[in-house]
Amino acid sequence: MALQSSGPISMADIRTEFEGSGSSGARSISNYYRGGPIVPNHSGTSTIPTSGTISLSNFYGTQYSNPNSDGE
């Protein structure tokens, strides 16, 4: 399921989407670049940068699973 497209968004929301509901611990937002070890590189994460400035707003509407995948 994708993150919300507006309203408040938190690191807890991002951790849950990209690491699962059982995730814990404080991670810096810099751990969540697209194509890194946590966030996959596909169309559902296209607004998340691969480097440089990153902010919570980059995560609006993003999702861990590939929206173009047929489930295989």
PDB file of N, CA and C in Angstrom:
ATOM      1  N   MET A   1       0.843  -1.173   0.000  1.00  0.00           N
ATOM      2  CA  MET A   1       0.000   0.000   0.000  1.00  0.00           C
ATOM      3  C   MET A   1       0.889   1.237   0.000  1.00  0.00           C
ATOM      4  N   ALA A   2       0.517   2.231  -0.740  1.00  0.00           N
ATOM      5  CA  ALA A   2       1.329   3.436  -0.868  1.00  0.00           C
ATOM      6  C   ALA A   2       1.148   4.378   0.322  1.00  0.00           C
ATOM      7  N   LEU A   3       2.149   5.204   0.538  1.00  0.00           N
ATOM      8  CA  LEU A   3       2.037   6.265   1.535  1.00  0.00           C
ATOM      9  C   LEU A   3       1.018   7.304   1.073  1.00  0.00           C
ATOM     10  N   GLN A   4       0.483   8.054   1.998  1.00  0.00           N
ATOM     11  CA  GLN A   4      -0.505   9.072   1.662  1.00  0.00           C
ATOM     12  C   GLN A   4       0.088  10.098   0.698  1.00  0.00           C
ATOM     13  N   SER A   5      -0.791  10.767  -0.061  1.00  0.00           N
ATOM     14  CA  SER A   5      -0.327  11.752  -1.039  1.00  0.00           C
ATOM     15  C   SER A   5      -0.392  13.180  -0.522  1.00  0.00           C
ATOM     16  N   SER A   6      -0.931  13.372   0.682  1.00  0.00           N
ATOM     17  CA  SER A   6      -0.951  14.707   1.286  1.00  0.00           C
ATOM     18  C   SER A   6      -1.106  14.559   2.795  1.00  0.00           C
ATOM     19  N   GLY A   7      -0.999  15.679   3.488  1.00  0.00           N
ATOM     20  CA  GLY A   7      -1.130  15.671   4.942  1.00  0.00           C
ATOM     21  C   GLY A   7       0.188  15.339   5.622  1.00  0.00           C
ATOM     22  N   PRO A   8       0.133  15.198   6.937  1.00  0.00           N
ATOM     23  CA  PRO A   8       1.348  14.907   7.692  1.00  0.00           C
ATOM     24  C   PRO A   8       1.942  13.551   7.316  1.00  0.00           C
ATOM     25  N   ILE A   9       3.245  13.516   7.201  1.00  0.00           N
ATOM     26  CA  ILE A   9       3.965  12.266   6.947  1.00  0.00           C
ATOM     27  C   ILE A   9       5.142  12.224   7.914  1.00  0.00           C
ATOM     28  N   SER A  10       5.434  11.059   8.427  1.00  0.00           N
ATOM     29  CA  SER A  10       6.490  10.953   9.436  1.00  0.00           C
ATOM     30  C   SER A  10       7.503   9.878   9.049  1.00  0.00           C
ATOM     31  N   MET A  11       8.606   9.885   9.751  1.00  0.00           N
ATOM     32  CA  MET A  11       9.604   8.830   9.544  1.00  0.00           C
ATOM     33  C   MET A  11       9.015   7.476   9.904  1.00  0.00           C
ATOM     34  N   ALA A  12       8.125   7.430  10.877  1.00  0.00           N
ATOM     35  CA  ALA A  12       7.472   6.166  11.235  1.00  0.00           C
ATOM     36  C   ALA A  12       6.651   5.639  10.063  1.00  0.00           C
ATOM     37  N   ASP A  13       5.957   6.519   9.348  1.00  0.00           N
ATOM     38  CA  ASP A  13       5.199   6.115   8.159  1.00  0.00           C
ATOM     39  C   ASP A  13       6.131   5.527   7.108  1.00  0.00           C
ATOM     40  N   ILE A  14       7.248   6.193   6.889  1.00  0.00           N
ATOM     41  CA  ILE A  14       8.218   5.758   5.878  1.00  0.00           C
ATOM     42  C   ILE A  14       8.842   4.425   6.282  1.00  0.00           C
ATOM     43  N   ARG A  15       9.227   4.298   7.542  1.00  0.00           N
ATOM     44  CA  ARG A  15       9.790   3.028   8.020  1.00  0.00           C
ATOM     45  C   ARG A  15       8.805   1.886   7.825  1.00  0.00           C
ATOM     46  N   THR A  16       7.536   2.119   8.151  1.00  0.00           N
ATOM     47  CA  THR A  16       6.530   1.066   8.012  1.00  0.00           C
ATOM     48  C   THR A  16       6.364   0.654   6.562  1.00  0.00           C
ATOM     49  N   GLU A  17       6.314   1.617   5.638  1.00  0.00           N
ATOM     50  CA  GLU A  17       6.137   1.290   4.214  1.00  0.00           C
ATOM     51  C   GLU A  17       7.333   0.535   3.653  1.00  0.00           C
ATOM     52  N   PHE A  18       8.530   0.976   3.975  1.00  0.00           N
ATOM     53  CA  PHE A  18       9.711   0.406   3.325  1.00  0.00           C
ATOM     54  C   PHE A  18      10.414  -0.691   4.117  1.00  0.00           C
ATOM     55  N   GLU A  19      10.092  -0.836   5.403  1.00  0.00           N
ATOM     56  CA  GLU A  19      10.750  -1.869   6.194  1.00  0.00           C
ATOM     57  C   GLU A  19       9.770  -2.795   6.907  1.00  0.00           C
ATOM     58  N   GLY A  20       8.497  -2.479   6.865  1.00  0.00           N
ATOM     59  CA  GLY A  20       7.495  -3.317   7.508  1.00  0.00           C
ATOM     60  C   GLY A  20       7.056  -2.770   8.846  1.00  0.00           C
ATOM     61  N   SER A  21       5.927  -3.257   9.309  1.00  0.00           N
ATOM     62  CA  SER A  21       5.340  -2.731  10.527  1.00  0.00           C
ATOM     63  C   SER A  21       6.137  -3.079  11.781  1.00  0.00           C
ATOM     64  N   GLY A  22       6.996  -4.080  11.708  1.00  0.00           N
ATOM     65  CA  GLY A  22       7.791  -4.466  12.868  1.00  0.00           C
ATOM     66  C   GLY A  22       9.112  -3.735  12.972  1.00  0.00           C
ATOM     67  N   SER A  23       9.358  -2.778  12.067  1.00  0.00           N
ATOM     68  CA  SER A  23      10.636  -2.074  12.095  1.00  0.00           C
ATOM     69  C   SER A  23      10.718  -1.169  13.308  1.00  0.00           C
ATOM     70  N   SER A  24      11.919  -0.969  13.770  1.00  0.00           N
ATOM     71  CA  SER A  24      12.120  -0.090  14.911  1.00  0.00           C
ATOM     72  C   SER A  24      13.490   0.560  14.806  1.00  0.00           C
ATOM     73  N   GLY A  25      13.734   1.463  15.671  1.00  0.00           N
ATOM     74  CA  GLY A  25      15.022   2.129  15.690  1.00  0.00           C
ATOM     75  C   GLY A  25      15.000   3.401  14.870  1.00  0.00           C
ATOM     76  N   ALA A  26      15.840   4.308  15.242  1.00  0.00           N
ATOM     77  CA  ALA A  26      15.916   5.586  14.554  1.00  0.00           C
ATOM     78  C   ALA A  26      16.886   5.487  13.386  1.00  0.00           C
ATOM     79  N   ARG A  27      16.393   5.748  12.223  1.00  0.00           N
ATOM     80  CA  ARG A  27      17.247   5.825  11.039  1.00  0.00           C
ATOM     81  C   ARG A  27      17.156   7.249  10.514  1.00  0.00           C
ATOM     82  N   SER A  28      18.222   7.717   9.979  1.00  0.00           N
ATOM     83  CA  SER A  28      18.233   9.024   9.342  1.00  0.00           C
ATOM     84  C   SER A  28      17.520   8.919   8.001  1.00  0.00           C
ATOM     85  N   ILE A  29      16.902  10.004   7.587  1.00  0.00           N
ATOM     86  CA  ILE A  29      16.236  10.006   6.288  1.00  0.00           C
ATOM     87  C   ILE A  29      17.231   9.715   5.166  1.00  0.00           C
ATOM     88  N   SER A  30      18.509   9.982   5.387  1.00  0.00           N
ATOM     89  CA  SER A  30      19.520   9.714   4.360  1.00  0.00           C
ATOM     90  C   SER A  30      19.697   8.217   4.085  1.00  0.00           C
ATOM     91  N   ASN A  31      19.127   7.359   4.917  1.00  0.00           N
ATOM     92  CA  ASN A  31      19.160   5.922   4.666  1.00  0.00           C
ATOM     93  C   ASN A  31      18.118   5.488   3.646  1.00  0.00           C
ATOM     94  N   TYR A  32      17.276   6.413   3.209  1.00  0.00           N
ATOM     95  CA  TYR A  32      16.142   6.076   2.364  1.00  0.00           C
ATOM     96  C   TYR A  32      16.250   6.603   0.935  1.00  0.00           C
ATOM     97  N   TYR A  33      17.450   6.742   0.413  1.00  0.00           N
ATOM     98  CA  TYR A  33      17.608   7.110  -0.993  1.00  0.00           C
ATOM     99  C   TYR A  33      17.104   5.984  -1.882  1.00  0.00           C
ATOM    100  N   ARG A  34      16.482   6.342  -2.999  1.00  0.00           N
ATOM    101  CA  ARG A  34      16.007   5.363  -3.978  1.00  0.00           C
ATOM    102  C   ARG A  34      17.192   4.589  -4.548  1.00  0.00           C
ATOM    103  N   GLY A  35      17.032   3.293  -4.633  1.00  0.00           N
ATOM    104  CA  GLY A  35      18.084   2.436  -5.168  1.00  0.00           C
ATOM    105  C   GLY A  35      19.097   1.991  -4.132  1.00  0.00           C
ATOM    106  N   GLY A  36      18.906   2.417  -2.885  1.00  0.00           N
ATOM    107  CA  GLY A  36      19.796   1.997  -1.806  1.00  0.00           C
ATOM    108  C   GLY A  36      19.324   0.670  -1.221  1.00  0.00           C
ATOM    109  N   PRO A  37      19.838   0.307  -0.054  1.00  0.00           N
ATOM    110  CA  PRO A  37      19.490  -0.988   0.523  1.00  0.00           C
ATOM    111  C   PRO A  37      18.062  -1.090   1.065  1.00  0.00           C
ATOM    112  N   ILE A  38      17.363   0.038   1.249  1.00  0.00           N
ATOM    113  CA  ILE A  38      16.020   0.009   1.817  1.00  0.00           C
ATOM    114  C   ILE A  38      14.944   0.311   0.774  1.00  0.00           C
ATOM    115  N   VAL A  39      15.169   1.305  -0.051  1.00  0.00           N
ATOM    116  CA  VAL A  39      14.160   1.757  -1.014  1.00  0.00           C
ATOM    117  C   VAL A  39      14.509   1.261  -2.417  1.00  0.00           C
ATOM    118  N   PRO A  40      13.637   0.442  -3.011  1.00  0.00           N
ATOM    119  CA  PRO A  40      13.908  -0.057  -4.357  1.00  0.00           C
ATOM    120  C   PRO A  40      13.789   1.053  -5.402  1.00  0.00           C
ATOM    121  N   ASN A  41      14.342   0.800  -6.570  1.00  0.00           N
ATOM    122  CA  ASN A  41      14.299   1.757  -7.667  1.00  0.00           C
ATOM    123  C   ASN A  41      13.278   1.270  -8.693  1.00  0.00           C
ATOM    124  N   HIS A  42      12.076   1.827  -8.644  1.00  0.00           N
ATOM    125  CA  HIS A  42      11.034   1.509  -9.630  1.00  0.00           C
ATOM    126  C   HIS A  42      10.085   2.704  -9.714  1.00  0.00           C
ATOM    127  N   SER A  43       9.065   2.624 -10.556  1.00  0.00           N
ATOM    128  CA  SER A  43       8.186   3.773 -10.788  1.00  0.00           C
ATOM    129  C   SER A  43       7.458   4.238  -9.531  1.00  0.00           C
ATOM    130  N   GLY A  44       7.233   3.361  -8.574  1.00  0.00           N
ATOM    131  CA  GLY A  44       6.547   3.734  -7.340  1.00  0.00           C
ATOM    132  C   GLY A  44       7.401   4.524  -6.375  1.00  0.00           C
ATOM    133  N   THR A  45       8.692   4.660  -6.684  1.00  0.00           N
ATOM    134  CA  THR A  45       9.594   5.436  -5.832  1.00  0.00           C
ATOM    135  C   THR A  45      10.287   6.550  -6.618  1.00  0.00           C
ATOM    136  N   SER A  46       9.754   6.897  -7.786  1.00  0.00           N
ATOM    137  CA  SER A  46      10.430   7.834  -8.684  1.00  0.00           C
ATOM    138  C   SER A  46      10.613   9.236  -8.111  1.00  0.00           C
ATOM    139  N   THR A  47       9.831   9.634  -7.114  1.00  0.00           N
ATOM    140  CA  THR A  47       9.985  10.974  -6.539  1.00  0.00           C
ATOM    141  C   THR A  47      11.051  11.035  -5.446  1.00  0.00           C
ATOM    142  N   ILE A  48      11.590   9.896  -5.075  1.00  0.00           N
ATOM    143  CA  ILE A  48      12.631   9.844  -4.047  1.00  0.00           C
ATOM    144  C   ILE A  48      13.985   9.970  -4.741  1.00  0.00           C
ATOM    145  N   PRO A  49      14.809  10.910  -4.328  1.00  0.00           N
ATOM    146  CA  PRO A  49      16.101  11.084  -4.994  1.00  0.00           C
ATOM    147  C   PRO A  49      17.077   9.936  -4.714  1.00  0.00           C
ATOM    148  N   THR A  50      18.049   9.791  -5.591  1.00  0.00           N
ATOM    149  CA  THR A  50      19.099   8.791  -5.408  1.00  0.00           C
ATOM    150  C   THR A  50      20.297   9.376  -4.670  1.00  0.00           C
ATOM    151  N   SER A  51      20.361  10.690  -4.580  1.00  0.00           N
ATOM    152  CA  SER A  51      21.424  11.384  -3.848  1.00  0.00           C
ATOM    153  C   SER A  51      21.007  12.836  -3.664  1.00  0.00           C
ATOM    154  N   GLY A  52      21.803  13.573  -2.944  1.00  0.00           N
ATOM    155  CA  GLY A  52      21.528  14.992  -2.740  1.00  0.00           C
ATOM    156  C   GLY A  52      20.489  15.235  -1.660  1.00  0.00           C
ATOM    157  N   THR A  53      19.766  16.334  -1.790  1.00  0.00           N
ATOM    158  CA  THR A  53      18.778  16.732  -0.797  1.00  0.00           C
ATOM    159  C   THR A  53      17.587  15.782  -0.826  1.00  0.00           C
ATOM    160  N   ILE A  54      17.193  15.329   0.338  1.00  0.00           N
ATOM    161  CA  ILE A  54      16.041  14.439   0.484  1.00  0.00           C
ATOM    162  C   ILE A  54      15.184  14.971   1.625  1.00  0.00           C
ATOM    163  N   SER A  55      13.866  14.916   1.444  1.00  0.00           N
ATOM    164  CA  SER A  55      12.966  15.388   2.500  1.00  0.00           C
ATOM    165  C   SER A  55      11.757  14.475   2.600  1.00  0.00           C
ATOM    166  N   LEU A  56      11.030  14.605   3.678  1.00  0.00           N
ATOM    167  CA  LEU A  56       9.850  13.772   3.889  1.00  0.00           C
ATOM    168  C   LEU A  56       8.857  13.920   2.742  1.00  0.00           C
ATOM    169  N   SER A  57       8.746  15.115   2.179  1.00  0.00           N
ATOM    170  CA  SER A  57       7.780  15.334   1.097  1.00  0.00           C
ATOM    171  C   SER A  57       8.101  14.515  -0.152  1.00  0.00           C
ATOM    172  N   ASN A  58       9.334  14.066  -0.316  1.00  0.00           N
ATOM    173  CA  ASN A  58       9.684  13.208  -1.453  1.00  0.00           C
ATOM    174  C   ASN A  58       8.965  11.864  -1.402  1.00  0.00           C
ATOM    175  N   PHE A  59       8.431  11.511  -0.257  1.00  0.00           N
ATOM    176  CA  PHE A  59       7.835  10.195  -0.057  1.00  0.00           C
ATOM    177  C   PHE A  59       6.324  10.155  -0.259  1.00  0.00           C
ATOM    178  N   TYR A  60       5.693  11.308  -0.479  1.00  0.00           N
ATOM    179  CA  TYR A  60       4.251  11.309  -0.723  1.00  0.00           C
ATOM    180  C   TYR A  60       3.902  10.400  -1.899  1.00  0.00           C
ATOM    181  N   GLY A  61       2.959   9.503  -1.692  1.00  0.00           N
ATOM    182  CA  GLY A  61       2.463   8.627  -2.752  1.00  0.00           C
ATOM    183  C   GLY A  61       3.386   7.496  -3.157  1.00  0.00           C
ATOM    184  N   THR A  62       4.504   7.327  -2.478  1.00  0.00           N
ATOM    185  CA  THR A  62       5.443   6.267  -2.855  1.00  0.00           C
ATOM    186  C   THR A  62       5.051   4.942  -2.210  1.00  0.00           C
ATOM    187  N   GLN A  63       5.607   3.866  -2.744  1.00  0.00           N
ATOM    188  CA  GLN A  63       5.320   2.551  -2.190  1.00  0.00           C
ATOM    189  C   GLN A  63       6.487   1.614  -2.409  1.00  0.00           C
ATOM    190  N   TYR A  64       6.643   0.666  -1.470  1.00  0.00           N
ATOM    191  CA  TYR A  64       7.733  -0.286  -1.537  1.00  0.00           C
ATOM    192  C   TYR A  64       7.578  -1.234  -2.730  1.00  0.00           C
ATOM    193  N   SER A  65       6.365  -1.749  -2.923  1.00  0.00           N
ATOM    194  CA  SER A  65       6.164  -2.705  -4.021  1.00  0.00           C
ATOM    195  C   SER A  65       6.057  -1.966  -5.357  1.00  0.00           C
ATOM    196  N   ASN A  66       6.479  -2.618  -6.399  1.00  0.00           N
ATOM    197  CA  ASN A  66       6.458  -2.037  -7.740  1.00  0.00           C
ATOM    198  C   ASN A  66       5.027  -2.020  -8.266  1.00  0.00           C
ATOM    199  N   PRO A  67       4.477  -0.847  -8.541  1.00  0.00           N
ATOM    200  CA  PRO A  67       3.090  -0.787  -9.019  1.00  0.00           C
ATOM    201  C   PRO A  67       2.904  -1.384 -10.407  1.00  0.00           C
ATOM    202  N   ASN A  68       3.983  -1.577 -11.140  1.00  0.00           N
ATOM    203  CA  ASN A  68       3.902  -2.142 -12.486  1.00  0.00           C
ATOM    204  C   ASN A  68       4.177  -3.633 -12.504  1.00  0.00           C
ATOM    205  N   SER A  69       4.376  -4.224 -11.343  1.00  0.00           N
ATOM    206  CA  SER A  69       4.672  -5.651 -11.244  1.00  0.00           C
ATOM    207  C   SER A  69       3.394  -6.458 -11.328  1.00  0.00           C
ATOM    208  N   ASP A  70       3.474  -7.605 -11.936  1.00  0.00           N
ATOM    209  CA  ASP A  70       2.302  -8.483 -12.011  1.00  0.00           C
ATOM    210  C   ASP A  70       2.286  -9.494 -10.870  1.00  0.00           C
ATOM    211  N   GLY A  71       3.130  -9.256  -9.871  1.00  0.00           N
ATOM    212  CA  GLY A  71       3.148 -10.119  -8.708  1.00  0.00           C
ATOM    213  C   GLY A  71       4.118 -11.274  -8.805  1.00  0.00           C
ATOM    214  N   GLU A  72       4.858 -11.357  -9.870  1.00  0.00           N
ATOM    215  CA  GLU A  72       5.836 -12.448 -10.016  1.00  0.00           C
ATOM    216  C   GLU A  72       7.187 -12.018  -9.547  1.00  0.00           C
TER     217      GLU A  72
END
